[in-house]
Amino acid sequence: MLDYDLEAAHYDQTRGGVARARAAADAVLELLPADCAVLVDVACGTGIVSELLTAPGRTVIGVDPAAAMLALAQPRLGGGRVVRGDATRLPLATGSVDAVTFMWLLHLVDEALVASAIAEAARVLRPGGMMITTVDKNAAQYETDSDVGEILRLARRELAPPASDDVERVGELAAAVGLQPAGLAGYVGHGQGRSPREWARRVREDIAWTRGADPARVAEICRALEALPEQEVRRADPVYKVAGFRLGGD
């Protein structure tokens, strides 16, 4: 995993900036009850999304293990609204918040940590509270509605291990701690579509699930990508999923 203290200074600029954050925040707000008074944004990073989730009458608390990230988040959220901590041990009282968000987190950790994070979210939520999280994060870029997407979708399903943020598995883990499905939303990853030539290079050099694959199979995938028309034309942007789960007992 990246050292996010080192990444902090240029994190926003290399991850789509405000445009990406705004799209993600809008998807969260589509699922978030308007009367949410206390929201905890776990792994808040620089606070670029957290800030956009604020509203009159709502306190947003950013939690992150990286001090350098929190230093950037604090001015966005105000003094006392950022806390150093991690998703499996939130520094919050049981049943004390209305919503917990995990943006761009669950795909980075293994399933055991996903299960622990979801259980911890359920612990700090009030009855009726919402957990909102990105799901199928990495799958989205390989399953675009395009000729490139058709090739990569099949290749990934053949070669990649199960994703830790698979929406069905996240739903099972949520149900085990009393969180029930409460809606899906999505947002476009503006400017993140890639051309067939770019994808062929990535398949050869930069994708974890092709590094250990049969070289002949990798070469076959690349040939298919390089045979597509308009090699330099970027295809459709990925559409990312955000899922909401409500804690029972309201």
C-alpha atoms as a PDB file:
ATOM      1  CA  MET A   1       0.000   0.000   0.000  1.00  0.00           C
ATOM      2  CA  LEU A   2       1.128   3.554  -0.670  1.00  0.00           C
ATOM      3  CA  ASP A   3       2.667   5.731   2.034  1.00  0.00           C
ATOM      4  CA  TYR A   4      -0.124   8.297   2.268  1.00  0.00           C
ATOM      5  CA  ASP A   5       1.951  10.676   4.361  1.00  0.00           C
ATOM      6  CA  LEU A   6       4.271  10.964   1.361  1.00  0.00           C
ATOM      7  CA  GLU A   7       1.380  11.051  -1.121  1.00  0.00           C
ATOM      8  CA  ALA A   8      -0.513  13.830   0.666  1.00  0.00           C
ATOM      9  CA  ALA A   9       1.132  16.840  -0.990  1.00  0.00           C
ATOM     10  CA  HIS A  10       0.144  15.815  -4.510  1.00  0.00           C
ATOM     11  CA  TYR A  11      -2.712  13.401  -3.817  1.00  0.00           C
ATOM     12  CA  ASP A  12      -5.577  15.587  -5.029  1.00  0.00           C
ATOM     13  CA  GLN A  13      -3.843  16.700  -8.221  1.00  0.00           C
ATOM     14  CA  THR A  14      -3.080  13.102  -9.240  1.00  0.00           C
ATOM     15  CA  ARG A  15      -6.525  11.681  -8.383  1.00  0.00           C
ATOM     16  CA  GLY A  16      -8.871  13.872 -10.411  1.00  0.00           C
ATOM     17  CA  GLY A  17      -9.035  16.866  -8.067  1.00  0.00           C
ATOM     18  CA  VAL A  18     -12.252  18.678  -7.256  1.00  0.00           C
ATOM     19  CA  ALA A  19     -14.130  17.334 -10.286  1.00  0.00           C
ATOM     20  CA  ARG A  20     -13.693  13.739  -9.128  1.00  0.00           C
ATOM     21  CA  ALA A  21     -14.453  14.670  -5.520  1.00  0.00           C
ATOM     22  CA  ARG A  22     -17.625  16.523  -6.501  1.00  0.00           C
ATOM     23  CA  ALA A  23     -18.923  13.578  -8.525  1.00  0.00           C
ATOM     24  CA  ALA A  24     -18.217  11.175  -5.659  1.00  0.00           C
ATOM     25  CA  ALA A  25     -19.780  13.476  -3.059  1.00  0.00           C
ATOM     26  CA  ASP A  26     -22.922  13.879  -5.176  1.00  0.00           C
ATOM     27  CA  ALA A  27     -23.323  10.095  -5.268  1.00  0.00           C
ATOM     28  CA  VAL A  28     -22.991   9.921  -1.476  1.00  0.00           C
ATOM     29  CA  LEU A  29     -25.480  12.747  -1.001  1.00  0.00           C
ATOM     30  CA  GLU A  30     -27.956  10.909  -3.220  1.00  0.00           C
ATOM     31  CA  LEU A  31     -28.036   8.135  -0.602  1.00  0.00           C
ATOM     32  CA  LEU A  32     -27.536  10.186   2.572  1.00  0.00           C
ATOM     33  CA  PRO A  33     -30.658  11.172   4.527  1.00  0.00           C
ATOM     34  CA  ALA A  34     -31.077  14.942   4.550  1.00  0.00           C
ATOM     35  CA  ASP A  35     -31.432  14.977   8.347  1.00  0.00           C
ATOM     36  CA  CYS A  36     -28.014  13.372   8.928  1.00  0.00           C
ATOM     37  CA  ALA A  37     -26.470  15.415  11.748  1.00  0.00           C
ATOM     38  CA  VAL A  38     -23.121  13.666  12.330  1.00  0.00           C
ATOM     39  CA  LEU A  39     -21.193  11.987   9.512  1.00  0.00           C
ATOM     40  CA  VAL A  40     -17.819  10.276   9.861  1.00  0.00           C
ATOM     41  CA  ASP A  41     -15.726  10.091   6.699  1.00  0.00           C
ATOM     42  CA  VAL A  42     -13.298   7.223   7.285  1.00  0.00           C
ATOM     43  CA  ALA A  43      -9.983   7.361   5.403  1.00  0.00           C
ATOM     44  CA  CYS A  44     -10.881  10.941   4.597  1.00  0.00           C
ATOM     45  CA  GLY A  45      -7.451  11.728   3.165  1.00  0.00           C
ATOM     46  CA  THR A  46      -7.124  15.410   2.334  1.00  0.00           C
ATOM     47  CA  GLY A  47     -10.787  16.021   3.156  1.00  0.00           C
ATOM     48  CA  ILE A  48     -11.587  16.955  -0.443  1.00  0.00           C
ATOM     49  CA  VAL A  49     -14.761  14.830  -0.395  1.00  0.00           C
ATOM     50  CA  SER A  50     -15.492  15.338   3.301  1.00  0.00           C
ATOM     51  CA  GLU A  51     -15.777  19.089   2.814  1.00  0.00           C
ATOM     52  CA  LEU A  52     -18.395  18.608   0.096  1.00  0.00           C
ATOM     53  CA  LEU A  53     -20.519  16.473   2.435  1.00  0.00           C
ATOM     54  CA  THR A  54     -20.921  19.286   4.949  1.00  0.00           C
ATOM     55  CA  ALA A  55     -24.261  21.082   5.233  1.00  0.00           C
ATOM     56  CA  PRO A  56     -26.033  23.401   7.669  1.00  0.00           C
ATOM     57  CA  GLY A  57     -26.790  21.410  10.799  1.00  0.00           C
ATOM     58  CA  ARG A  58     -24.379  18.611   9.869  1.00  0.00           C
ATOM     59  CA  THR A  59     -20.981  17.937  11.429  1.00  0.00           C
ATOM     60  CA  VAL A  60     -18.506  15.985   9.305  1.00  0.00           C
ATOM     61  CA  ILE A  61     -15.631  14.306  11.131  1.00  0.00           C
ATOM     62  CA  GLY A  62     -12.648  13.138   9.095  1.00  0.00           C
ATOM     63  CA  VAL A  63     -10.722  10.084  10.299  1.00  0.00           C
ATOM     64  CA  ASP A  64      -7.443   8.994   8.717  1.00  0.00           C
ATOM     65  CA  PRO A  65      -4.230   7.273   9.902  1.00  0.00           C
ATOM     66  CA  ALA A  66      -1.948   9.618   7.918  1.00  0.00           C
ATOM     67  CA  ALA A  67      -1.012  12.790   9.770  1.00  0.00           C
ATOM     68  CA  ALA A  68      -0.004  14.584   6.561  1.00  0.00           C
ATOM     69  CA  MET A  69      -3.429  13.909   5.062  1.00  0.00           C
ATOM     70  CA  LEU A  70      -5.175  15.222   8.170  1.00  0.00           C
ATOM     71  CA  ALA A  71      -3.076  18.389   8.066  1.00  0.00           C
ATOM     72  CA  LEU A  72      -4.666  19.147   4.698  1.00  0.00           C
ATOM     73  CA  ALA A  73      -8.135  18.015   5.794  1.00  0.00           C
ATOM     74  CA  GLN A  74      -8.288  20.149   8.933  1.00  0.00           C
ATOM     75  CA  PRO A  75      -8.682  23.556   7.243  1.00  0.00           C
ATOM     76  CA  ARG A  76     -11.363  22.087   5.032  1.00  0.00           C
ATOM     77  CA  LEU A  77     -13.359  20.745   7.971  1.00  0.00           C
ATOM     78  CA  GLY A  78     -12.479  23.186  10.721  1.00  0.00           C
ATOM     79  CA  GLY A  79     -10.641  22.773  14.001  1.00  0.00           C
ATOM     80  CA  GLY A  80     -11.427  19.676  16.022  1.00  0.00           C
ATOM     81  CA  ARG A  81     -13.172  17.881  13.162  1.00  0.00           C
ATOM     82  CA  VAL A  82     -10.314  15.634  12.106  1.00  0.00           C
ATOM     83  CA  VAL A  83      -9.106  12.647  14.143  1.00  0.00           C
ATOM     84  CA  ARG A  84      -6.218  10.273  13.626  1.00  0.00           C
ATOM     85  CA  GLY A  85      -7.411   6.691  13.567  1.00  0.00           C
ATOM     86  CA  ASP A  86      -8.196   3.746  11.349  1.00  0.00           C
ATOM     87  CA  ALA A  87     -11.311   2.048  10.070  1.00  0.00           C
ATOM     88  CA  THR A  88     -11.162  -0.912  12.454  1.00  0.00           C
ATOM     89  CA  ARG A  89     -10.825   1.128  15.677  1.00  0.00           C
ATOM     90  CA  LEU A  90     -12.749   4.351  15.310  1.00  0.00           C
ATOM     91  CA  PRO A  91     -12.209   6.818  18.171  1.00  0.00           C
ATOM     92  CA  LEU A  92     -15.966   7.267  18.611  1.00  0.00           C
ATOM     93  CA  ALA A  93     -18.574   6.127  21.089  1.00  0.00           C
ATOM     94  CA  THR A  94     -20.936   3.286  20.282  1.00  0.00           C
ATOM     95  CA  GLY A  95     -24.161   4.463  18.635  1.00  0.00           C
ATOM     96  CA  SER A  96     -22.971   8.067  18.358  1.00  0.00           C
ATOM     97  CA  VAL A  97     -23.167   8.981  14.646  1.00  0.00           C
ATOM     98  CA  ASP A  98     -25.737   9.094  11.862  1.00  0.00           C
ATOM     99  CA  ALA A  99     -23.560   8.039   8.931  1.00  0.00           C
ATOM    100  CA  VAL A 100     -20.199   6.459   8.153  1.00  0.00           C
ATOM    101  CA  THR A 101     -18.634   6.782   4.703  1.00  0.00           C
ATOM    102  CA  PHE A 102     -15.834   4.735   3.157  1.00  0.00           C
ATOM    103  CA  MET A 103     -14.719   6.377  -0.078  1.00  0.00           C
ATOM    104  CA  TRP A 104     -11.993   4.616  -2.082  1.00  0.00           C
ATOM    105  CA  LEU A 105     -11.001   2.433   0.878  1.00  0.00           C
ATOM    106  CA  LEU A 106     -12.391  -1.109   0.882  1.00  0.00           C
ATOM    107  CA  HIS A 107     -10.732  -2.094  -2.407  1.00  0.00           C
ATOM    108  CA  LEU A 108      -7.318  -1.344  -0.853  1.00  0.00           C
ATOM    109  CA  VAL A 109      -7.510  -3.821   2.042  1.00  0.00           C
ATOM    110  CA  ASP A 110      -8.110  -7.550   2.390  1.00  0.00           C
ATOM    111  CA  GLU A 111     -11.459  -9.113   3.207  1.00  0.00           C
ATOM    112  CA  ALA A 112     -10.652  -9.547   6.908  1.00  0.00           C
ATOM    113  CA  LEU A 113     -10.087  -5.798   7.227  1.00  0.00           C
ATOM    114  CA  VAL A 114     -13.204  -5.075   5.159  1.00  0.00           C
ATOM    115  CA  ALA A 115     -15.230  -7.203   7.598  1.00  0.00           C
ATOM    116  CA  SER A 116     -13.668  -5.430  10.605  1.00  0.00           C
ATOM    117  CA  ALA A 117     -14.304  -1.978   9.111  1.00  0.00           C
ATOM    118  CA  ILE A 118     -17.943  -2.770   8.368  1.00  0.00           C
ATOM    119  CA  ALA A 119     -18.457  -4.146  11.878  1.00  0.00           C
ATOM    120  CA  GLU A 120     -16.863  -1.017  13.348  1.00  0.00           C
ATOM    121  CA  ALA A 121     -19.138   1.188  11.251  1.00  0.00           C
ATOM    122  CA  ALA A 122     -22.144  -0.701  12.595  1.00  0.00           C
ATOM    123  CA  ARG A 123     -20.867  -0.216  16.152  1.00  0.00           C
ATOM    124  CA  VAL A 124     -20.652   3.576  15.970  1.00  0.00           C
ATOM    125  CA  LEU A 125     -23.906   4.063  14.035  1.00  0.00           C
ATOM    126  CA  ARG A 126     -27.152   4.963  15.723  1.00  0.00           C
ATOM    127  CA  PRO A 127     -30.136   2.726  14.931  1.00  0.00           C
ATOM    128  CA  GLY A 128     -31.314   3.757  11.472  1.00  0.00           C
ATOM    129  CA  GLY A 129     -27.893   5.168  10.610  1.00  0.00           C
ATOM    130  CA  MET A 130     -26.268   4.710   7.210  1.00  0.00           C
ATOM    131  CA  MET A 131     -22.997   3.205   6.038  1.00  0.00           C
ATOM    132  CA  ILE A 132     -22.124   4.400   2.527  1.00  0.00           C
ATOM    133  CA  THR A 133     -19.188   2.983   0.605  1.00  0.00           C
ATOM    134  CA  THR A 134     -17.683   2.625  -2.828  1.00  0.00           C
ATOM    135  CA  VAL A 135     -17.950  -0.949  -4.112  1.00  0.00           C
ATOM    136  CA  ASP A 136     -16.455  -2.774  -7.095  1.00  0.00           C
ATOM    137  CA  LYS A 137     -13.994   0.124  -7.354  1.00  0.00           C
ATOM    138  CA  ASN A 138     -11.354  -1.491  -9.534  1.00  0.00           C
ATOM    139  CA  ALA A 139     -13.851  -3.482 -11.583  1.00  0.00           C
ATOM    140  CA  ALA A 140     -15.368  -0.273 -12.924  1.00  0.00           C
ATOM    141  CA  GLN A 141     -12.381   0.689 -15.048  1.00  0.00           C
ATOM    142  CA  TYR A 142     -12.295  -2.744 -16.713  1.00  0.00           C
ATOM    143  CA  GLU A 143     -16.034  -2.979 -17.379  1.00  0.00           C
ATOM    144  CA  THR A 144     -16.788   0.148 -19.367  1.00  0.00           C
ATOM    145  CA  ASP A 145     -19.391   0.140 -22.121  1.00  0.00           C
ATOM    146  CA  SER A 146     -16.930  -0.084 -25.018  1.00  0.00           C
ATOM    147  CA  ASP A 147     -15.012  -2.497 -27.233  1.00  0.00           C
ATOM    148  CA  VAL A 148     -12.086  -2.225 -24.826  1.00  0.00           C
ATOM    149  CA  GLY A 149     -14.409  -3.005 -21.923  1.00  0.00           C
ATOM    150  CA  GLU A 150     -15.625  -6.209 -23.598  1.00  0.00           C
ATOM    151  CA  ILE A 151     -12.055  -7.529 -23.835  1.00  0.00           C
ATOM    152  CA  LEU A 152     -10.962  -6.466 -20.360  1.00  0.00           C
ATOM    153  CA  ARG A 153     -14.144  -7.622 -18.626  1.00  0.00           C
ATOM    154  CA  LEU A 154     -13.607 -11.220 -19.755  1.00  0.00           C
ATOM    155  CA  ALA A 155      -9.868 -11.111 -19.073  1.00  0.00           C
ATOM    156  CA  ARG A 156     -10.290  -9.766 -15.554  1.00  0.00           C
ATOM    157  CA  ARG A 157     -12.950 -12.295 -14.638  1.00  0.00           C
ATOM    158  CA  GLU A 158     -10.636 -15.052 -15.854  1.00  0.00           C
ATOM    159  CA  LEU A 159      -7.395 -13.886 -14.247  1.00  0.00           C
ATOM    160  CA  ALA A 160      -8.104 -11.576 -11.287  1.00  0.00           C
ATOM    161  CA  PRO A 161      -8.696 -12.815  -7.727  1.00  0.00           C
ATOM    162  CA  PRO A 162     -12.004 -11.924  -6.021  1.00  0.00           C
ATOM    163  CA  ALA A 163     -12.177  -8.235  -5.114  1.00  0.00           C
ATOM    164  CA  SER A 164     -12.329  -7.338  -1.424  1.00  0.00           C
ATOM    165  CA  ASP A 165     -14.994  -4.715  -2.200  1.00  0.00           C
ATOM    166  CA  ASP A 166     -17.193  -6.965  -4.349  1.00  0.00           C
ATOM    167  CA  VAL A 167     -20.696  -5.565  -3.893  1.00  0.00           C
ATOM    168  CA  GLU A 168     -22.300  -8.916  -3.092  1.00  0.00           C
ATOM    169  CA  ARG A 169     -19.636  -9.821  -0.543  1.00  0.00           C
ATOM    170  CA  VAL A 170     -19.812  -6.381   1.069  1.00  0.00           C
ATOM    171  CA  GLY A 171     -23.565  -6.878   1.324  1.00  0.00           C
ATOM    172  CA  GLU A 172     -23.093 -10.225   3.069  1.00  0.00           C
ATOM    173  CA  LEU A 173     -20.623  -8.768   5.552  1.00  0.00           C
ATOM    174  CA  ALA A 174     -22.947  -5.837   6.199  1.00  0.00           C
ATOM    175  CA  ALA A 175     -25.942  -8.095   6.779  1.00  0.00           C
ATOM    176  CA  ALA A 176     -23.944 -10.081   9.342  1.00  0.00           C
ATOM    177  CA  VAL A 177     -23.756  -6.966  11.564  1.00  0.00           C
ATOM    178  CA  GLY A 178     -27.307  -5.735  11.009  1.00  0.00           C
ATOM    179  CA  LEU A 179     -26.802  -3.436   8.013  1.00  0.00           C
ATOM    180  CA  GLN A 180     -29.355  -3.827   5.242  1.00  0.00           C
ATOM    181  CA  PRO A 181     -29.163  -2.575   1.623  1.00  0.00           C
ATOM    182  CA  ALA A 182     -30.500   0.981   1.293  1.00  0.00           C
ATOM    183  CA  GLY A 183     -29.722   1.975  -2.289  1.00  0.00           C
ATOM    184  CA  LEU A 184     -27.099   2.271  -4.995  1.00  0.00           C
ATOM    185  CA  ALA A 185     -25.750   5.378  -6.713  1.00  0.00           C
ATOM    186  CA  GLY A 186     -23.008   5.984  -9.240  1.00  0.00           C
ATOM    187  CA  TYR A 187     -20.693   8.620 -10.614  1.00  0.00           C
ATOM    188  CA  VAL A 188     -18.584   9.039 -13.719  1.00  0.00           C
ATOM    189  CA  GLY A 189     -14.796   9.006 -13.430  1.00  0.00           C
ATOM    190  CA  HIS A 190     -14.374  12.021 -15.682  1.00  0.00           C
ATOM    191  CA  GLY A 191     -11.269  11.880 -17.834  1.00  0.00           C
ATOM    192  CA  GLN A 192     -10.322   8.353 -16.733  1.00  0.00           C
ATOM    193  CA  GLY A 193     -11.169   6.534 -19.948  1.00  0.00           C
ATOM    194  CA  ARG A 194      -8.156   5.094 -21.799  1.00  0.00           C
ATOM    195  CA  SER A 195      -7.343   4.254 -25.401  1.00  0.00           C
ATOM    196  CA  PRO A 196      -6.732   0.673 -26.628  1.00  0.00           C
ATOM    197  CA  ARG A 197      -3.008   1.441 -26.947  1.00  0.00           C
ATOM    198  CA  GLU A 198      -2.856   2.713 -23.343  1.00  0.00           C
ATOM    199  CA  TRP A 199      -4.668  -0.368 -22.116  1.00  0.00           C
ATOM    200  CA  ALA A 200      -2.359  -2.735 -23.985  1.00  0.00           C
ATOM    201  CA  ARG A 201       0.628  -1.067 -22.308  1.00  0.00           C
ATOM    202  CA  ARG A 202      -1.005  -1.346 -18.896  1.00  0.00           C
ATOM    203  CA  VAL A 203      -1.872  -5.019 -19.393  1.00  0.00           C
ATOM    204  CA  ARG A 204       1.796  -5.718 -20.202  1.00  0.00           C
ATOM    205  CA  GLU A 205       3.344  -3.576 -17.463  1.00  0.00           C
ATOM    206  CA  ASP A 206       1.039  -2.208 -14.804  1.00  0.00           C
ATOM    207  CA  ILE A 207      -1.813  -4.507 -13.717  1.00  0.00           C
ATOM    208  CA  ALA A 208      -1.370  -6.786 -10.713  1.00  0.00           C
ATOM    209  CA  TRP A 209      -3.576  -9.595 -12.004  1.00  0.00           C
ATOM    210  CA  THR A 210      -1.686  -9.931 -15.295  1.00  0.00           C
ATOM    211  CA  ARG A 211       1.812 -10.026 -13.758  1.00  0.00           C
ATOM    212  CA  GLY A 212       1.487 -13.623 -12.641  1.00  0.00           C
ATOM    213  CA  ALA A 213      -0.594 -14.781 -15.598  1.00  0.00           C
ATOM    214  CA  ASP A 214       0.526 -17.008 -18.439  1.00  0.00           C
ATOM    215  CA  PRO A 215       2.580 -14.730 -20.741  1.00  0.00           C
ATOM    216  CA  ALA A 216       0.913 -16.271 -23.773  1.00  0.00           C
ATOM    217  CA  ARG A 217      -2.513 -15.299 -22.414  1.00  0.00           C
ATOM    218  CA  VAL A 218      -1.318 -11.758 -21.651  1.00  0.00           C
ATOM    219  CA  ALA A 219       0.040 -11.455 -25.187  1.00  0.00           C
ATOM    220  CA  GLU A 220      -3.299 -12.642 -26.560  1.00  0.00           C
ATOM    221  CA  ILE A 221      -5.180  -9.952 -24.621  1.00  0.00           C
ATOM    222  CA  CYS A 222      -2.783  -7.286 -25.870  1.00  0.00           C
ATOM    223  CA  ARG A 223      -3.146  -8.434 -29.470  1.00  0.00           C
ATOM    224  CA  ALA A 224      -6.915  -8.161 -29.154  1.00  0.00           C
ATOM    225  CA  LEU A 225      -6.620  -4.629 -27.788  1.00  0.00           C
ATOM    226  CA  GLU A 226      -4.132  -3.608 -30.484  1.00  0.00           C
ATOM    227  CA  ALA A 227      -6.435  -4.940 -33.195  1.00  0.00           C
ATOM    228  CA  LEU A 228      -9.209  -2.513 -32.252  1.00  0.00           C
ATOM    229  CA  PRO A 229      -9.824   0.551 -34.421  1.00  0.00           C
ATOM    230  CA  GLU A 230      -8.917   4.100 -33.344  1.00  0.00           C
ATOM    231  CA  GLN A 231      -5.955   3.055 -31.237  1.00  0.00           C
ATOM    232  CA  GLU A 232      -5.353   6.541 -29.796  1.00  0.00           C
ATOM    233  CA  VAL A 233      -8.984   7.375 -29.016  1.00  0.00           C
ATOM    234  CA  ARG A 234      -9.966   7.200 -25.360  1.00  0.00           C
ATOM    235  CA  ARG A 235     -12.997   5.048 -24.655  1.00  0.00           C
ATOM    236  CA  ALA A 236     -15.862   5.601 -22.216  1.00  0.00           C
ATOM    237  CA  ASP A 237     -15.070   6.821 -18.714  1.00  0.00           C
ATOM    238  CA  PRO A 238     -15.682   4.294 -15.928  1.00  0.00           C
ATOM    239  CA  VAL A 239     -18.820   4.586 -13.820  1.00  0.00           C
ATOM    240  CA  TYR A 240     -18.137   3.899 -10.141  1.00  0.00           C
ATOM    241  CA  LYS A 241     -20.683   2.425  -7.714  1.00  0.00           C
ATOM    242  CA  VAL A 242     -21.592   3.681  -4.262  1.00  0.00           C
ATOM    243  CA  ALA A 243     -23.755   1.502  -2.002  1.00  0.00           C
ATOM    244  CA  GLY A 244     -25.756   2.440   1.078  1.00  0.00           C
ATOM    245  CA  PHE A 245     -26.618   0.158   4.015  1.00  0.00           C
ATOM    246  CA  ARG A 246     -28.921   1.053   6.909  1.00  0.00           C
ATOM    247  CA  LEU A 247     -28.558  -0.194  10.479  1.00  0.00           C
ATOM    248  CA  GLY A 248     -31.715  -1.825  11.752  1.00  0.00           C
ATOM    249  CA  GLY A 249     -33.538  -0.886  14.917  1.00  0.00           C
ATOM    250  CA  ASP A 250     -34.842   2.583  13.946  1.00  0.00           C
END
